[in-house]
Amino acid sequence: MGNPGNTFWGILVTILGILCFPANPLVLTGILEVESYLPLVIAGGIVWAFGMVLVMAPIVMFPRKGGVSKGKAYTGTTLLVDSGIYAVVRHPQYTGGIYAIFITTLLWYPHWLFSLLGAVGIAAIYMSCKVEDKLLIEKFGDDYRQYMQKVPGINVFAGFIKLIKDNQRKGN
């Protein structure tokens, strides 16, 4: 059976993800009436696209660089991937979910309920990342611990800044 901590956070994130999905069931069914603003809708579309790129990254990266056996699921990595987006954040799918679901929905439908649900959703994703880090330490050991020291978990901005500074130090 799976890790109970991970199961709890996974279920919570799933429920909040449904309630806060950009094609929002609360708004589409008329349960919530929310005013939308074109500049926020446009910004939300950009944020959604960015988030979806992050969500898709492991599906592309793991089979190419993660030592996934042919015909196996992309999650069956045997090698630690620390290049590409994984040089910026350790958990791009979780990070992408934050952008594509919680931030996009708040931009498209600025309502206090989505602020509250989004904050809880982001906290649940953060906790899921902590559980995932423990599992990855078990799988990859000290290599993953060292990787954790170099690359932020979900803070994409800190990750990009760190990557730029590291490249400047190396003379790239």
Protein backbone atom coordinates (compact mmCIF):
# COMPACT_ATOMS: atom_id res chain seq x y z
CA MET A 1 0.00 0.00 0.00
CA GLY A 2 1.20 3.56 -0.68
CA ASN A 3 2.55 6.08 1.78
CA PRO A 4 -0.42 7.28 3.91
CA GLY A 5 0.99 10.82 4.17
CA ASN A 6 1.32 11.03 0.42
CA THR A 7 -2.17 9.59 -0.06
CA PHE A 8 -3.72 12.23 2.21
CA TRP A 9 -2.00 15.14 0.47
CA GLY A 10 -2.75 13.63 -2.93
CA ILE A 11 -6.47 13.35 -2.17
CA LEU A 12 -6.57 16.88 -0.75
CA VAL A 13 -4.76 18.31 -3.79
CA THR A 14 -7.13 16.42 -6.11
CA ILE A 15 -10.25 17.75 -4.38
CA LEU A 16 -8.92 21.31 -4.30
CA GLY A 17 -7.74 20.99 -7.90
CA ILE A 18 -11.27 20.09 -8.98
CA LEU A 19 -12.82 22.93 -6.98
CA CYS A 20 -10.28 25.40 -8.35
CA PHE A 21 -9.90 24.09 -11.89
CA PRO A 22 -9.78 26.96 -14.42
CA ALA A 23 -12.85 25.57 -16.25
CA ASN A 24 -14.40 26.02 -12.86
CA PRO A 25 -17.38 23.90 -11.85
CA LEU A 26 -18.51 26.42 -9.22
CA VAL A 27 -18.56 29.25 -11.77
CA LEU A 28 -19.86 27.25 -14.73
CA THR A 29 -22.81 25.87 -12.75
CA GLY A 30 -23.68 29.34 -11.42
CA ILE A 31 -23.02 28.45 -7.77
CA LEU A 32 -20.56 31.37 -7.70
CA GLU A 33 -21.06 34.52 -9.71
CA VAL A 34 -17.69 36.06 -10.38
CA GLU A 35 -16.74 39.13 -12.36
CA SER A 36 -13.88 38.55 -14.83
CA TYR A 37 -11.48 41.22 -16.10
CA LEU A 38 -9.86 40.92 -19.53
CA PRO A 39 -6.29 41.81 -18.43
CA LEU A 40 -6.48 39.16 -15.68
CA VAL A 41 -7.94 36.61 -18.11
CA ILE A 42 -5.03 37.25 -20.51
CA ALA A 43 -2.49 37.05 -17.68
CA GLY A 44 -4.20 33.87 -16.48
CA GLY A 45 -3.86 32.33 -19.94
CA ILE A 46 -0.13 33.03 -19.93
CA VAL A 47 0.22 31.64 -16.41
CA TRP A 48 -1.80 28.56 -17.40
CA ALA A 49 0.43 27.91 -20.43
CA PHE A 50 3.57 28.26 -18.30
CA GLY A 51 2.12 25.89 -15.71
CA MET A 52 1.22 23.31 -18.34
CA VAL A 53 4.77 23.37 -19.74
CA LEU A 54 6.00 22.54 -16.23
CA VAL A 55 3.36 19.82 -15.80
CA MET A 56 4.45 18.17 -19.06
CA ALA A 57 8.21 18.46 -18.45
CA PRO A 58 8.70 15.14 -16.61
CA ILE A 59 6.73 13.27 -19.25
CA VAL A 60 9.31 14.46 -21.78
CA MET A 61 12.46 14.57 -19.62
CA PHE A 62 12.29 11.28 -17.69
CA PRO A 63 12.18 8.91 -20.66
CA ARG A 64 15.07 10.82 -22.26
CA LYS A 65 17.35 11.33 -19.26
CA GLY A 66 15.94 9.30 -16.37
CA GLY A 67 16.90 5.81 -17.45
CA VAL A 68 13.28 4.74 -17.94
CA SER A 69 13.07 1.31 -19.54
CA LYS A 70 11.39 1.21 -22.93
CA GLY A 71 7.65 0.68 -22.58
CA LYS A 72 7.60 1.69 -18.89
CA ALA A 73 5.80 4.66 -17.35
CA TYR A 74 7.76 7.90 -17.29
CA THR A 75 7.78 7.76 -13.47
CA GLY A 76 9.97 4.63 -13.56
CA THR A 77 13.19 6.62 -13.46
CA THR A 78 16.39 4.89 -12.46
CA LEU A 79 18.65 7.95 -12.80
CA LEU A 80 18.43 11.28 -11.00
CA VAL A 81 17.53 13.97 -13.54
CA ASP A 82 19.07 17.34 -12.62
CA SER A 83 19.26 19.12 -15.97
CA GLY A 84 16.76 21.17 -17.98
CA ILE A 85 13.83 22.27 -15.85
CA TYR A 86 15.17 20.00 -13.09
CA ALA A 87 18.10 22.42 -12.74
CA VAL A 88 15.50 25.09 -11.86
CA VAL A 89 12.99 23.25 -9.62
CA ARG A 90 12.93 19.73 -8.18
CA HIS A 91 9.17 19.32 -8.60
CA PRO A 92 8.06 20.90 -11.91
CA GLN A 93 4.77 18.98 -12.07
CA TYR A 94 3.70 20.17 -8.65
CA THR A 95 4.91 23.69 -9.45
CA GLY A 96 3.03 23.62 -12.75
CA GLY A 97 -0.11 22.54 -10.93
CA ILE A 98 0.16 25.58 -8.67
CA TYR A 99 0.36 27.87 -11.69
CA ALA A 100 -2.07 26.07 -14.01
CA ILE A 101 -4.78 25.49 -11.41
CA PHE A 102 -4.61 27.72 -8.35
CA ILE A 103 -3.05 30.91 -9.74
CA THR A 104 -4.84 30.76 -13.10
CA THR A 105 -8.23 30.26 -11.48
CA LEU A 106 -7.71 33.20 -9.15
CA LEU A 107 -6.73 35.40 -12.09
CA TRP A 108 -9.71 34.30 -14.19
CA TYR A 109 -12.19 34.40 -11.32
CA PRO A 110 -10.98 36.86 -8.65
CA HIS A 111 -13.02 35.73 -5.65
CA TRP A 112 -12.09 35.30 -1.97
CA LEU A 113 -13.05 31.62 -2.08
CA PHE A 114 -10.43 30.89 -4.75
CA SER A 115 -7.84 32.80 -2.71
CA LEU A 116 -8.61 30.63 0.29
CA LEU A 117 -8.82 27.32 -1.62
CA GLY A 118 -5.69 28.23 -3.59
CA ALA A 119 -3.71 28.94 -0.42
CA VAL A 120 -4.77 25.59 1.04
CA GLY A 121 -4.01 23.89 -2.30
CA ILE A 122 -0.54 25.40 -2.49
CA ALA A 123 0.15 24.34 1.11
CA ALA A 124 -1.03 20.80 0.29
CA ILE A 125 1.23 20.69 -2.77
CA TYR A 126 4.14 21.92 -0.65
CA MET A 127 3.51 19.11 1.83
CA SER A 128 3.28 16.59 -1.04
CA CYS A 129 6.69 17.79 -2.20
CA LYS A 130 8.13 17.16 1.26
CA VAL A 131 6.79 13.60 1.19
CA GLU A 132 8.14 13.16 -2.34
CA ASP A 133 11.57 14.43 -1.27
CA LYS A 134 11.72 11.76 1.45
CA LEU A 135 10.84 9.05 -1.06
CA LEU A 136 13.46 10.32 -3.49
CA ILE A 137 16.10 10.38 -0.76
CA GLU A 138 15.28 6.71 -0.15
CA LYS A 139 15.62 6.02 -3.89
CA PHE A 140 18.70 8.12 -4.77
CA GLY A 141 20.39 8.68 -1.38
CA ASP A 142 23.12 11.29 -0.98
CA ASP A 143 22.92 12.31 -4.63
CA TYR A 144 19.38 13.53 -4.02
CA ARG A 145 20.36 15.24 -0.75
CA GLN A 146 23.06 17.17 -2.63
CA TYR A 147 20.57 17.99 -5.38
CA MET A 148 18.15 19.34 -2.75
CA GLN A 149 20.88 21.72 -1.56
CA LYS A 150 21.35 23.09 -5.07
CA VAL A 151 17.81 23.29 -6.48
CA PRO A 152 14.65 24.71 -4.86
CA GLY A 153 11.60 22.48 -4.55
CA ILE A 154 8.89 24.63 -6.15
CA ASN A 155 10.18 28.22 -6.23
CA VAL A 156 10.76 28.65 -9.94
CA PHE A 157 11.91 32.27 -9.59
CA ALA A 158 14.59 31.42 -7.01
CA GLY A 159 15.60 28.49 -9.21
CA PHE A 160 16.05 30.66 -12.31
CA ILE A 161 18.01 33.28 -10.34
CA LYS A 162 20.26 30.59 -8.83
CA LEU A 163 20.81 28.99 -12.25
CA ILE A 164 21.74 32.36 -13.80
CA LYS A 165 24.15 33.15 -10.96
CA ASP A 166 25.71 29.68 -11.17
CA ASN A 167 26.18 30.07 -14.93
CA GLN A 168 27.74 33.52 -14.46
CA ARG A 169 30.18 32.07 -11.88
CA LYS A 170 31.13 29.30 -14.30
CA GLY A 171 31.62 31.85 -17.08
CA ASN A 172 28.79 30.56 -19.31
